């Protein structure tokens, strides 16, 4: 039975530990990525998936666009970091990848997995899975355009009758892709049902390049089980990290000791306060909306969390939301102390 790998390599870059924060739309912006980095235990982080056309428009205009400012900004402490692009025009994808390299990203990743209709309709994301010559053309063209390693994230196929996970893995290896990440659901499944990890094992058995497993890793035990069942080289975690930003740290503790720390109510308060303060400092127009979004995530496991969500629902200013969080937790923690 395979033990959890301590690290893995993408090109000449060693990623340690062998864990990856999945790219998530509306989640993995620079603020959240830095929050994850601050908790420790995550080897590689990735941007939200970004339109290649948006990136190209930005640098052709000669000044950073909203796309670049919003999706491609990052801080030095985020390294190693990968930019993730989507699109279906190989030349545009290549231009966007060159720009990402110029910005200082360690890797460029191509998204062949997004199941959202408006992306698929443009033949982006998992829409490419029905056109393997196009996939090959994109990979070949982008690979030739950059000097940093190229990786890709993809789904197992369009549906259970059109599985291409092994074929694409072999194609990627033949074309010089440095690593692949497989989410073993199909486009038709979306995020429903169960992720079939046997497909990750099949892709891993077919190629020698690193294979990163993704899908249904909720706990440290799941991460260990994925490696044991699939022989994958690293584990990518998405949705679980949005409501448990400590999961990478917990994986490290579990591998070292067989158990792991569980956050207290005070810890949950501290993480919300830290993240919301970081958001406030950005002065982004959408900061208050992001706080409301993450209140839903971060109140998993919080006593009376529904009261906090209701309390901030009508608020529109970041400072008012932070004050509401302070009042909620101060009252709750004081009530616990008094009861003790």
C-alpha atoms as a PDB file:
ATOM      1  CA  UNK A   1       0.000   0.000   0.000  1.00  0.00           C
ATOM      2  CA  UNK A   2       1.515   3.313  -1.076  1.00  0.00           C
ATOM      3  CA  UNK A   3       2.294   5.954   1.534  1.00  0.00           C
ATOM      4  CA  UNK A   4       1.391   9.591   0.934  1.00  0.00           C
ATOM      5  CA  UNK A   5       4.128  11.196  -1.218  1.00  0.00           C
ATOM      6  CA  UNK A   6       6.105  13.925   0.589  1.00  0.00           C
ATOM      7  CA  UNK A   7       6.443  15.943  -2.625  1.00  0.00           C
ATOM      8  CA  UNK A   8       6.228  15.818  -6.402  1.00  0.00           C
ATOM      9  CA  UNK A   9       7.849  17.706  -9.254  1.00  0.00           C
ATOM     10  CA  UNK A  10       6.407  19.823 -12.034  1.00  0.00           C
ATOM     11  CA  UNK A  11       9.268  20.321 -14.439  1.00  0.00           C
ATOM     12  CA  UNK A  12      12.247  21.343 -12.324  1.00  0.00           C
ATOM     13  CA  UNK A  13      10.129  22.709  -9.485  1.00  0.00           C
ATOM     14  CA  UNK A  14       9.638  20.533  -6.414  1.00  0.00           C
ATOM     15  CA  UNK A  15       6.198  20.907  -4.862  1.00  0.00           C
ATOM     16  CA  UNK A  16       6.176  20.112  -1.165  1.00  0.00           C
ATOM     17  CA  UNK A  17       3.948  18.877   0.336  1.00  0.00           C
ATOM     18  CA  UNK A  18       2.148  16.987  -2.412  1.00  0.00           C
ATOM     19  CA  UNK A  19      -1.095  18.912  -2.022  1.00  0.00           C
ATOM     20  CA  UNK A  20      -2.761  21.406  -4.368  1.00  0.00           C
ATOM     21  CA  UNK A  21      -5.468  24.009  -3.883  1.00  0.00           C
ATOM     22  CA  UNK A  22      -7.892  23.566  -6.768  1.00  0.00           C
ATOM     23  CA  UNK A  23      -8.804  26.559  -8.925  1.00  0.00           C
ATOM     24  CA  UNK A  24     -12.326  27.642  -7.972  1.00  0.00           C
ATOM     25  CA  UNK A  25     -14.334  30.423  -9.596  1.00  0.00           C
ATOM     26  CA  UNK A  26     -15.297  33.062  -7.069  1.00  0.00           C
ATOM     27  CA  UNK A  27     -13.098  31.496  -4.389  1.00  0.00           C
ATOM     28  CA  UNK A  28      -9.378  31.258  -5.152  1.00  0.00           C
ATOM     29  CA  UNK A  29      -8.541  34.927  -5.591  1.00  0.00           C
ATOM     30  CA  UNK A  30      -5.313  36.333  -4.173  1.00  0.00           C
ATOM     31  CA  UNK A  31      -6.851  37.007  -0.744  1.00  0.00           C
ATOM     32  CA  UNK A  32      -8.106  33.456  -0.253  1.00  0.00           C
ATOM     33  CA  UNK A  33      -4.894  31.974  -1.634  1.00  0.00           C
ATOM     34  CA  UNK A  34      -2.830  33.974   0.844  1.00  0.00           C
ATOM     35  CA  UNK A  35      -5.156  32.868   3.634  1.00  0.00           C
ATOM     36  CA  UNK A  36      -4.534  29.231   2.653  1.00  0.00           C
ATOM     37  CA  UNK A  37      -0.779  29.834   2.484  1.00  0.00           C
ATOM     38  CA  UNK A  38      -0.847  31.338   5.984  1.00  0.00           C
ATOM     39  CA  UNK A  39      -2.344  28.161   7.442  1.00  0.00           C
ATOM     40  CA  UNK A  40       0.457  25.967   6.056  1.00  0.00           C
ATOM     41  CA  UNK A  41       0.470  22.563   4.446  1.00  0.00           C
ATOM     42  CA  UNK A  42      -0.466  23.452   0.852  1.00  0.00           C
ATOM     43  CA  UNK A  43       2.211  22.789  -1.764  1.00  0.00           C
ATOM     44  CA  UNK A  44       0.737  24.495  -4.832  1.00  0.00           C
ATOM     45  CA  UNK A  45      -1.990  27.098  -5.297  1.00  0.00           C
ATOM     46  CA  UNK A  46      -3.817  28.070  -8.467  1.00  0.00           C
ATOM     47  CA  UNK A  47      -5.715  31.096  -9.717  1.00  0.00           C
ATOM     48  CA  UNK A  48      -9.368  31.104 -10.590  1.00  0.00           C
ATOM     49  CA  UNK A  49      -9.790  29.963 -14.162  1.00  0.00           C
ATOM     50  CA  UNK A  50      -9.338  32.959 -16.427  1.00  0.00           C
ATOM     51  CA  UNK A  51     -10.554  33.701 -19.938  1.00  0.00           C
ATOM     52  CA  UNK A  52      -7.657  33.625 -22.388  1.00  0.00           C
ATOM     53  CA  UNK A  53      -9.470  36.229 -24.510  1.00  0.00           C
ATOM     54  CA  UNK A  54      -9.719  38.525 -21.493  1.00  0.00           C
ATOM     55  CA  UNK A  55      -6.002  38.182 -20.799  1.00  0.00           C
ATOM     56  CA  UNK A  56      -5.056  38.927 -24.397  1.00  0.00           C
ATOM     57  CA  UNK A  57      -7.307  41.999 -24.543  1.00  0.00           C
ATOM     58  CA  UNK A  58      -5.600  43.236 -21.394  1.00  0.00           C
ATOM     59  CA  UNK A  59      -2.016  43.194 -22.620  1.00  0.00           C
ATOM     60  CA  UNK A  60      -2.905  44.321 -26.149  1.00  0.00           C
ATOM     61  CA  UNK A  61      -4.483  47.391 -24.579  1.00  0.00           C
ATOM     62  CA  UNK A  62      -1.204  48.079 -22.811  1.00  0.00           C
ATOM     63  CA  UNK A  63      -2.645  48.455 -19.333  1.00  0.00           C
ATOM     64  CA  UNK A  64      -4.038  45.987 -16.794  1.00  0.00           C
ATOM     65  CA  UNK A  65      -7.710  45.273 -17.357  1.00  0.00           C
ATOM     66  CA  UNK A  66     -10.246  44.199 -14.775  1.00  0.00           C
ATOM     67  CA  UNK A  67      -9.491  40.608 -15.798  1.00  0.00           C
ATOM     68  CA  UNK A  68      -5.814  40.933 -14.980  1.00  0.00           C
ATOM     69  CA  UNK A  69      -6.323  42.901 -11.786  1.00  0.00           C
ATOM     70  CA  UNK A  70      -9.021  40.551 -10.569  1.00  0.00           C
ATOM     71  CA  UNK A  71      -7.727  37.146 -11.602  1.00  0.00           C
ATOM     72  CA  UNK A  72      -3.994  37.346 -12.258  1.00  0.00           C
ATOM     73  CA  UNK A  73      -2.671  39.503  -9.424  1.00  0.00           C
ATOM     74  CA  UNK A  74      -0.647  37.668  -6.793  1.00  0.00           C
ATOM     75  CA  UNK A  75       1.870  38.349  -4.045  1.00  0.00           C
ATOM     76  CA  UNK A  76       5.400  36.901  -3.682  1.00  0.00           C
ATOM     77  CA  UNK A  77       4.353  34.637  -0.791  1.00  0.00           C
ATOM     78  CA  UNK A  78       1.976  32.786  -3.113  1.00  0.00           C
ATOM     79  CA  UNK A  79       4.778  30.984  -4.973  1.00  0.00           C
ATOM     80  CA  UNK A  80       4.715  28.343  -6.270  1.00  0.00           C
ATOM     81  CA  UNK A  81       1.584  29.413  -8.115  1.00  0.00           C
ATOM     82  CA  UNK A  82      -0.062  28.406 -11.377  1.00  0.00           C
ATOM     83  CA  UNK A  83      -2.291  30.514 -13.614  1.00  0.00           C
ATOM     84  CA  UNK A  84      -5.236  28.637 -15.056  1.00  0.00           C
ATOM     85  CA  UNK A  85      -6.607  29.584 -18.459  1.00  0.00           C
ATOM     86  CA  UNK A  86      -9.615  28.483 -20.467  1.00  0.00           C
ATOM     87  CA  UNK A  87     -10.545  28.960 -24.094  1.00  0.00           C
ATOM     88  CA  UNK A  88     -10.706  27.153 -27.411  1.00  0.00           C
ATOM     89  CA  UNK A  89      -8.548  29.254 -29.742  1.00  0.00           C
ATOM     90  CA  UNK A  90      -5.003  27.826 -29.677  1.00  0.00           C
ATOM     91  CA  UNK A  91      -3.345  31.076 -30.809  1.00  0.00           C
ATOM     92  CA  UNK A  92      -5.188  33.185 -28.236  1.00  0.00           C
ATOM     93  CA  UNK A  93      -4.410  30.587 -25.555  1.00  0.00           C
ATOM     94  CA  UNK A  94      -0.721  30.752 -26.487  1.00  0.00           C
ATOM     95  CA  UNK A  95      -0.650  34.554 -26.290  1.00  0.00           C
ATOM     96  CA  UNK A  96      -2.375  34.473 -22.901  1.00  0.00           C
ATOM     97  CA  UNK A  97       0.059  31.842 -21.623  1.00  0.00           C
ATOM     98  CA  UNK A  98       3.039  33.967 -22.681  1.00  0.00           C
ATOM     99  CA  UNK A  99       1.610  36.884 -20.768  1.00  0.00           C
ATOM    100  CA  UNK A 100       1.137  34.719 -17.658  1.00  0.00           C
ATOM    101  CA  UNK A 101       4.774  33.672 -17.910  1.00  0.00           C
ATOM    102  CA  UNK A 102       5.790  37.341 -18.148  1.00  0.00           C
ATOM    103  CA  UNK A 103       3.772  38.088 -15.004  1.00  0.00           C
ATOM    104  CA  UNK A 104       5.925  35.610 -13.058  1.00  0.00           C
ATOM    105  CA  UNK A 105       3.738  32.539 -12.660  1.00  0.00           C
ATOM    106  CA  UNK A 106       5.571  29.267 -12.087  1.00  0.00           C
ATOM    107  CA  UNK A 107       3.241  27.274 -14.341  1.00  0.00           C
ATOM    108  CA  UNK A 108       0.410  27.663 -16.814  1.00  0.00           C
ATOM    109  CA  UNK A 109      -2.537  25.288 -16.465  1.00  0.00           C
ATOM    110  CA  UNK A 110      -5.272  24.745 -19.035  1.00  0.00           C
ATOM    111  CA  UNK A 111      -8.826  24.042 -17.931  1.00  0.00           C
ATOM    112  CA  UNK A 112     -10.544  21.214 -19.774  1.00  0.00           C
ATOM    113  CA  UNK A 113     -12.884  20.465 -16.894  1.00  0.00           C
ATOM    114  CA  UNK A 114     -15.340  23.288 -16.221  1.00  0.00           C
ATOM    115  CA  UNK A 115     -18.890  21.945 -16.782  1.00  0.00           C
ATOM    116  CA  UNK A 116     -20.685  25.333 -16.728  1.00  0.00           C
ATOM    117  CA  UNK A 117     -22.938  25.771 -19.767  1.00  0.00           C
ATOM    118  CA  UNK A 118     -21.774  29.241 -20.822  1.00  0.00           C
ATOM    119  CA  UNK A 119     -18.160  28.021 -20.872  1.00  0.00           C
ATOM    120  CA  UNK A 120     -18.952  24.748 -22.616  1.00  0.00           C
ATOM    121  CA  UNK A 121     -21.077  26.574 -25.186  1.00  0.00           C
ATOM    122  CA  UNK A 122     -17.922  28.352 -26.357  1.00  0.00           C
ATOM    123  CA  UNK A 123     -16.137  24.986 -26.539  1.00  0.00           C
ATOM    124  CA  UNK A 124     -14.109  25.883 -23.453  1.00  0.00           C
ATOM    125  CA  UNK A 125     -13.579  23.828 -20.307  1.00  0.00           C
ATOM    126  CA  UNK A 126     -15.069  20.357 -20.616  1.00  0.00           C
ATOM    127  CA  UNK A 127     -16.583  21.339 -23.959  1.00  0.00           C
ATOM    128  CA  UNK A 128     -13.216  20.456 -25.503  1.00  0.00           C
ATOM    129  CA  UNK A 129     -13.534  16.842 -24.379  1.00  0.00           C
ATOM    130  CA  UNK A 130     -15.605  16.036 -27.474  1.00  0.00           C
ATOM    131  CA  UNK A 131     -12.902  17.414 -29.766  1.00  0.00           C
ATOM    132  CA  UNK A 132      -9.621  15.696 -28.960  1.00  0.00           C
ATOM    133  CA  UNK A 133      -7.801  17.118 -32.007  1.00  0.00           C
ATOM    134  CA  UNK A 134      -8.601  20.572 -30.631  1.00  0.00           C
ATOM    135  CA  UNK A 135      -7.263  19.550 -27.202  1.00  0.00           C
ATOM    136  CA  UNK A 136      -4.053  18.370 -28.856  1.00  0.00           C
ATOM    137  CA  UNK A 137      -3.748  21.557 -30.903  1.00  0.00           C
ATOM    138  CA  UNK A 138      -4.203  23.769 -27.824  1.00  0.00           C
ATOM    139  CA  UNK A 139      -1.642  21.809 -25.804  1.00  0.00           C
ATOM    140  CA  UNK A 140       0.895  21.756 -28.642  1.00  0.00           C
ATOM    141  CA  UNK A 141       0.522  25.466 -29.435  1.00  0.00           C
ATOM    142  CA  UNK A 142       0.654  26.651 -25.820  1.00  0.00           C
ATOM    143  CA  UNK A 143       3.568  24.352 -24.972  1.00  0.00           C
ATOM    144  CA  UNK A 144       5.593  25.836 -27.852  1.00  0.00           C
ATOM    145  CA  UNK A 145       4.830  29.390 -26.717  1.00  0.00           C
ATOM    146  CA  UNK A 146       6.167  29.259 -23.144  1.00  0.00           C
ATOM    147  CA  UNK A 147       9.320  28.279 -21.284  1.00  0.00           C
ATOM    148  CA  UNK A 148       7.630  27.452 -17.967  1.00  0.00           C
ATOM    149  CA  UNK A 149       5.921  24.068 -17.488  1.00  0.00           C
ATOM    150  CA  UNK A 150       2.463  23.480 -18.923  1.00  0.00           C
ATOM    151  CA  UNK A 151      -0.093  21.465 -16.948  1.00  0.00           C
ATOM    152  CA  UNK A 152      -3.772  20.710 -17.426  1.00  0.00           C
ATOM    153  CA  UNK A 153      -6.892  19.867 -15.414  1.00  0.00           C
ATOM    154  CA  UNK A 154      -9.653  17.867 -17.021  1.00  0.00           C
ATOM    155  CA  UNK A 155     -12.656  15.627 -16.475  1.00  0.00           C
ATOM    156  CA  UNK A 156     -13.024  11.976 -17.340  1.00  0.00           C
ATOM    157  CA  UNK A 157     -15.205  12.652 -20.377  1.00  0.00           C
ATOM    158  CA  UNK A 158     -18.448  14.133 -21.610  1.00  0.00           C
ATOM    159  CA  UNK A 159     -20.532  11.344 -20.077  1.00  0.00           C
ATOM    160  CA  UNK A 160     -20.106   7.751 -18.918  1.00  0.00           C
ATOM    161  CA  UNK A 161     -20.337   6.544 -22.541  1.00  0.00           C
ATOM    162  CA  UNK A 162     -17.661   8.936 -23.823  1.00  0.00           C
ATOM    163  CA  UNK A 163     -14.776   8.496 -21.388  1.00  0.00           C
ATOM    164  CA  UNK A 164     -11.448   9.910 -22.564  1.00  0.00           C
ATOM    165  CA  UNK A 165      -9.424  10.165 -19.340  1.00  0.00           C
ATOM    166  CA  UNK A 166      -6.767   7.633 -20.347  1.00  0.00           C
ATOM    167  CA  UNK A 167      -6.538   8.797 -23.959  1.00  0.00           C
ATOM    168  CA  UNK A 168      -6.084  12.428 -22.908  1.00  0.00           C
ATOM    169  CA  UNK A 169      -3.514  11.481 -20.257  1.00  0.00           C
ATOM    170  CA  UNK A 170      -1.400   9.725 -22.890  1.00  0.00           C
ATOM    171  CA  UNK A 171      -1.856  12.594 -25.338  1.00  0.00           C
ATOM    172  CA  UNK A 172      -0.755  15.113 -22.728  1.00  0.00           C
ATOM    173  CA  UNK A 173       2.356  13.118 -21.897  1.00  0.00           C
ATOM    174  CA  UNK A 174       3.259  12.730 -25.579  1.00  0.00           C
ATOM    175  CA  UNK A 175       2.918  16.482 -26.126  1.00  0.00           C
ATOM    176  CA  UNK A 176       5.201  17.411 -23.240  1.00  0.00           C
ATOM    177  CA  UNK A 177       2.654  18.416 -20.602  1.00  0.00           C
ATOM    178  CA  UNK A 178       4.459  18.355 -17.248  1.00  0.00           C
ATOM    179  CA  UNK A 179       1.588  17.142 -15.026  1.00  0.00           C
ATOM    180  CA  UNK A 180      -2.133  16.475 -15.225  1.00  0.00           C
ATOM    181  CA  UNK A 181      -4.947  16.817 -12.704  1.00  0.00           C
ATOM    182  CA  UNK A 182      -7.993  14.606 -13.186  1.00  0.00           C
ATOM    183  CA  UNK A 183     -11.432  15.191 -11.712  1.00  0.00           C
ATOM    184  CA  UNK A 184     -13.037  11.829 -12.496  1.00  0.00           C
ATOM    185  CA  UNK A 185     -16.624  13.014 -12.815  1.00  0.00           C
ATOM    186  CA  UNK A 186     -17.946  13.595 -16.329  1.00  0.00           C
ATOM    187  CA  UNK A 187     -19.234  16.859 -17.726  1.00  0.00           C
ATOM    188  CA  UNK A 188     -22.740  15.420 -17.627  1.00  0.00           C
ATOM    189  CA  UNK A 189     -22.432  14.713 -13.894  1.00  0.00           C
ATOM    190  CA  UNK A 190     -21.486  18.263 -12.998  1.00  0.00           C
ATOM    191  CA  UNK A 191     -20.822  18.087  -9.264  1.00  0.00           C
ATOM    192  CA  UNK A 192     -23.480  15.460  -8.552  1.00  0.00           C
ATOM    193  CA  UNK A 193     -22.968  11.829  -7.686  1.00  0.00           C
ATOM    194  CA  UNK A 194     -19.717  10.255  -6.654  1.00  0.00           C
ATOM    195  CA  UNK A 195     -16.250  10.864  -8.073  1.00  0.00           C
ATOM    196  CA  UNK A 196     -15.032   7.521  -9.453  1.00  0.00           C
ATOM    197  CA  UNK A 197     -11.442   7.330  -8.257  1.00  0.00           C
ATOM    198  CA  UNK A 198     -10.767   4.195 -10.334  1.00  0.00           C
ATOM    199  CA  UNK A 199     -10.484   6.554 -13.312  1.00  0.00           C
ATOM    200  CA  UNK A 200      -7.630   8.397 -11.587  1.00  0.00           C
ATOM    201  CA  UNK A 201      -5.907   5.048 -11.048  1.00  0.00           C
ATOM    202  CA  UNK A 202      -6.352   4.186 -14.735  1.00  0.00           C
ATOM    203  CA  UNK A 203      -4.839   7.492 -15.865  1.00  0.00           C
ATOM    204  CA  UNK A 204      -1.938   7.092 -13.430  1.00  0.00           C
ATOM    205  CA  UNK A 205      -1.216   3.581 -14.691  1.00  0.00           C
ATOM    206  CA  UNK A 206      -1.104   4.850 -18.289  1.00  0.00           C
ATOM    207  CA  UNK A 207       1.523   7.604 -17.944  1.00  0.00           C
ATOM    208  CA  UNK A 208       4.786   8.459 -16.206  1.00  0.00           C
ATOM    209  CA  UNK A 209       4.157  12.192 -15.675  1.00  0.00           C
ATOM    210  CA  UNK A 210       2.671  13.258 -12.315  1.00  0.00           C
ATOM    211  CA  UNK A 211      -1.038  12.675 -11.950  1.00  0.00           C
ATOM    212  CA  UNK A 212      -2.899  14.820  -9.412  1.00  0.00           C
ATOM    213  CA  UNK A 213      -6.122  13.335  -8.057  1.00  0.00           C
ATOM    214  CA  UNK A 214      -9.146  15.541  -7.471  1.00  0.00           C
ATOM    215  CA  UNK A 215     -12.699  14.966  -6.301  1.00  0.00           C
ATOM    216  CA  UNK A 216     -14.512  14.185  -3.041  1.00  0.00           C
ATOM    217  CA  UNK A 217     -11.561  14.752  -0.722  1.00  0.00           C
ATOM    218  CA  UNK A 218     -13.264  16.166   2.354  1.00  0.00           C
ATOM    219  CA  UNK A 219     -11.047  14.953   5.194  1.00  0.00           C
ATOM    220  CA  UNK A 220      -7.383  14.021   5.724  1.00  0.00           C
ATOM    221  CA  UNK A 221      -8.483  10.388   5.744  1.00  0.00           C
ATOM    222  CA  UNK A 222      -9.933  10.869   2.257  1.00  0.00           C
ATOM    223  CA  UNK A 223      -6.642  12.300   1.009  1.00  0.00           C
ATOM    224  CA  UNK A 224      -4.729   9.284   2.299  1.00  0.00           C
ATOM    225  CA  UNK A 225      -7.277   6.884   0.857  1.00  0.00           C
ATOM    226  CA  UNK A 226      -7.120   8.552  -2.567  1.00  0.00           C
ATOM    227  CA  UNK A 227      -3.359   8.013  -2.743  1.00  0.00           C
ATOM    228  CA  UNK A 228      -3.667   4.407  -1.620  1.00  0.00           C
ATOM    229  CA  UNK A 229      -6.474   3.600  -4.066  1.00  0.00           C
ATOM    230  CA  UNK A 230      -5.157   5.464  -7.120  1.00  0.00           C
ATOM    231  CA  UNK A 231      -1.365   5.727  -6.671  1.00  0.00           C
ATOM    232  CA  UNK A 232      -1.668   9.417  -7.621  1.00  0.00           C
ATOM    233  CA  UNK A 233       1.308  11.718  -7.108  1.00  0.00           C
ATOM    234  CA  UNK A 234      -0.549  14.513  -5.324  1.00  0.00           C
ATOM    235  CA  UNK A 235      -4.007  15.382  -4.035  1.00  0.00           C
ATOM    236  CA  UNK A 236      -5.970  18.442  -5.134  1.00  0.00           C
ATOM    237  CA  UNK A 237      -8.641  19.836  -2.829  1.00  0.00           C
ATOM    238  CA  UNK A 238     -11.359  22.255  -3.862  1.00  0.00           C
ATOM    239  CA  UNK A 239     -14.690  22.772  -2.145  1.00  0.00           C
ATOM    240  CA  UNK A 240     -13.577  21.370   1.216  1.00  0.00           C
ATOM    241  CA  UNK A 241     -10.907  24.082   1.491  1.00  0.00           C
ATOM    242  CA  UNK A 242     -13.500  26.826   1.087  1.00  0.00           C
ATOM    243  CA  UNK A 243     -15.166  25.950   4.391  1.00  0.00           C
ATOM    244  CA  UNK A 244     -12.189  24.296   6.080  1.00  0.00           C
ATOM    245  CA  UNK A 245      -9.105  26.384   5.222  1.00  0.00           C
ATOM    246  CA  UNK A 246      -7.120  24.308   7.725  1.00  0.00           C
ATOM    247  CA  UNK A 247      -7.494  21.065   5.755  1.00  0.00           C
ATOM    248  CA  UNK A 248      -3.965  21.124   4.300  1.00  0.00           C
ATOM    249  CA  UNK A 249      -2.481  21.592   7.759  1.00  0.00           C
ATOM    250  CA  UNK A 250      -4.718  18.784   9.025  1.00  0.00           C
ATOM    251  CA  UNK A 251      -3.465  16.444   6.297  1.00  0.00           C
ATOM    252  CA  UNK A 252       0.129  17.059   7.362  1.00  0.00           C
ATOM    253  CA  UNK A 253      -0.703  16.409  11.008  1.00  0.00           C
ATOM    254  CA  UNK A 254      -2.635  13.256  10.140  1.00  0.00           C
ATOM    255  CA  UNK A 255       0.243  11.856   8.101  1.00  0.00           C
ATOM    256  CA  UNK A 256       2.719  12.638  10.882  1.00  0.00           C
ATOM    257  CA  UNK A 257       0.717  11.541  13.917  1.00  0.00           C
ATOM    258  CA  UNK A 258      -2.408   9.660  12.851  1.00  0.00           C
ATOM    259  CA  UNK A 259      -4.632  12.415  14.254  1.00  0.00           C
ATOM    260  CA  UNK A 260      -5.223  16.091  13.578  1.00  0.00           C
ATOM    261  CA  UNK A 261      -6.245  19.310  15.251  1.00  0.00           C
ATOM    262  CA  UNK A 262      -9.873  20.447  15.126  1.00  0.00           C
ATOM    263  CA  UNK A 263     -10.648  24.179  15.117  1.00  0.00           C
ATOM    264  CA  UNK A 264     -12.435  25.655  18.103  1.00  0.00           C
ATOM    265  CA  UNK A 265     -15.069  28.385  18.019  1.00  0.00           C
ATOM    266  CA  UNK A 266     -12.273  30.869  18.772  1.00  0.00           C
ATOM    267  CA  UNK A 267     -10.267  29.542  15.807  1.00  0.00           C
ATOM    268  CA  UNK A 268     -13.250  29.990  13.517  1.00  0.00           C
ATOM    269  CA  UNK A 269     -13.684  33.541  14.730  1.00  0.00           C
ATOM    270  CA  UNK A 270      -9.994  34.263  14.140  1.00  0.00           C
ATOM    271  CA  UNK A 271     -10.021  32.936  10.564  1.00  0.00           C
ATOM    272  CA  UNK A 272     -13.145  34.913   9.642  1.00  0.00           C
ATOM    273  CA  UNK A 273     -11.766  38.098  11.189  1.00  0.00           C
ATOM    274  CA  UNK A 274      -8.449  37.669   9.403  1.00  0.00           C
ATOM    275  CA  UNK A 275      -9.965  36.929   6.005  1.00  0.00           C
ATOM    276  CA  UNK A 276     -12.555  39.684   6.200  1.00  0.00           C
ATOM    277  CA  UNK A 277      -9.937  42.230   7.282  1.00  0.00           C
ATOM    278  CA  UNK A 278      -7.776  41.211   4.316  1.00  0.00           C
ATOM    279  CA  UNK A 279     -10.786  41.687   2.031  1.00  0.00           C
ATOM    280  CA  UNK A 280     -11.543  45.096   3.527  1.00  0.00           C
ATOM    281  CA  UNK A 281      -7.968  46.189   2.844  1.00  0.00           C
ATOM    282  CA  UNK A 282      -8.318  45.407  -0.879  1.00  0.00           C
ATOM    283  CA  UNK A 283     -11.067  48.039  -1.221  1.00  0.00           C
ATOM    284  CA  UNK A 284     -12.602  45.834  -3.918  1.00  0.00           C
ATOM    285  CA  UNK A 285     -16.172  46.864  -4.830  1.00  0.00           C
ATOM    286  CA  UNK A 286     -17.193  43.250  -4.306  1.00  0.00           C
ATOM    287  CA  UNK A 287     -15.554  42.893  -0.858  1.00  0.00           C
ATOM    288  CA  UNK A 288     -18.856  42.950   1.067  1.00  0.00           C
ATOM    289  CA  UNK A 289     -20.370  40.357  -1.252  1.00  0.00           C
ATOM    290  CA  UNK A 290     -17.331  38.107  -0.804  1.00  0.00           C
ATOM    291  CA  UNK A 291     -17.700  38.412   2.966  1.00  0.00           C
ATOM    292  CA  UNK A 292     -21.317  37.291   2.773  1.00  0.00           C
ATOM    293  CA  UNK A 293     -20.336  34.405   0.512  1.00  0.00           C
ATOM    294  CA  UNK A 294     -17.615  33.239   2.867  1.00  0.00           C
ATOM    295  CA  UNK A 295     -19.784  33.661   5.941  1.00  0.00           C
ATOM    296  CA  UNK A 296     -21.822  30.789   4.532  1.00  0.00           C
ATOM    297  CA  UNK A 297     -18.641  28.729   4.085  1.00  0.00           C
ATOM    298  CA  UNK A 298     -16.898  29.587   7.340  1.00  0.00           C
ATOM    299  CA  UNK A 299     -19.935  29.078   9.585  1.00  0.00           C
ATOM    300  CA  UNK A 300     -19.905  25.335   8.932  1.00  0.00           C
ATOM    301  CA  UNK A 301     -19.545  23.938  12.444  1.00  0.00           C
ATOM    302  CA  UNK A 302     -20.154  27.303  14.138  1.00  0.00           C
ATOM    303  CA  UNK A 303     -22.740  27.299  16.925  1.00  0.00           C
ATOM    304  CA  UNK A 304     -25.771  29.370  15.903  1.00  0.00           C
ATOM    305  CA  UNK A 305     -24.109  30.171  12.586  1.00  0.00           C
ATOM    306  CA  UNK A 306     -27.512  30.826  10.998  1.00  0.00           C
ATOM    307  CA  UNK A 307     -27.943  33.835  13.289  1.00  0.00           C
ATOM    308  CA  UNK A 308     -24.685  35.339  12.031  1.00  0.00           C
ATOM    309  CA  UNK A 309     -25.636  34.761   8.399  1.00  0.00           C
ATOM    310  CA  UNK A 310     -29.003  36.443   8.990  1.00  0.00           C
ATOM    311  CA  UNK A 311     -27.332  39.303  10.850  1.00  0.00           C
ATOM    312  CA  UNK A 312     -25.095  40.320   7.956  1.00  0.00           C
ATOM    313  CA  UNK A 313     -27.492  39.614   5.098  1.00  0.00           C
ATOM    314  CA  UNK A 314     -28.732  43.196   4.792  1.00  0.00           C
ATOM    315  CA  UNK A 315     -25.372  44.882   5.418  1.00  0.00           C
ATOM    316  CA  UNK A 316     -23.561  46.496   2.522  1.00  0.00           C
ATOM    317  CA  UNK A 317     -20.324  47.841   4.016  1.00  0.00           C
ATOM    318  CA  UNK A 318     -17.327  45.625   4.839  1.00  0.00           C
ATOM    319  CA  UNK A 319     -16.719  47.358   8.186  1.00  0.00           C
ATOM    320  CA  UNK A 320     -20.338  46.775   9.249  1.00  0.00           C
ATOM    321  CA  UNK A 321     -19.992  43.084   8.409  1.00  0.00           C
ATOM    322  CA  UNK A 322     -16.756  42.772  10.388  1.00  0.00           C
ATOM    323  CA  UNK A 323     -18.384  44.518  13.359  1.00  0.00           C
ATOM    324  CA  UNK A 324     -21.291  42.062  13.169  1.00  0.00           C
ATOM    325  CA  UNK A 325     -18.846  39.143  13.204  1.00  0.00           C
ATOM    326  CA  UNK A 326     -17.083  40.644  16.246  1.00  0.00           C
ATOM    327  CA  UNK A 327     -20.332  41.095  18.149  1.00  0.00           C
ATOM    328  CA  UNK A 328     -21.578  37.611  17.310  1.00  0.00           C
ATOM    329  CA  UNK A 329     -18.461  35.793  18.436  1.00  0.00           C
ATOM    330  CA  UNK A 330     -17.841  37.973  21.471  1.00  0.00           C
ATOM    331  CA  UNK A 331     -21.360  37.250  22.696  1.00  0.00           C
ATOM    332  CA  UNK A 332     -21.106  33.564  21.851  1.00  0.00           C
ATOM    333  CA  UNK A 333     -17.679  33.066  23.422  1.00  0.00           C
ATOM    334  CA  UNK A 334     -18.656  35.034  26.513  1.00  0.00           C
ATOM    335  CA  UNK A 335     -21.791  32.898  26.870  1.00  0.00           C
ATOM    336  CA  UNK A 336     -19.690  29.737  26.731  1.00  0.00           C
ATOM    337  CA  UNK A 337     -17.238  31.109  29.307  1.00  0.00           C
ATOM    338  CA  UNK A 338     -20.089  32.053  31.640  1.00  0.00           C
ATOM    339  CA  UNK A 339     -21.655  28.606  31.320  1.00  0.00           C
ATOM    340  CA  UNK A 340     -18.311  26.987  32.133  1.00  0.00           C
END
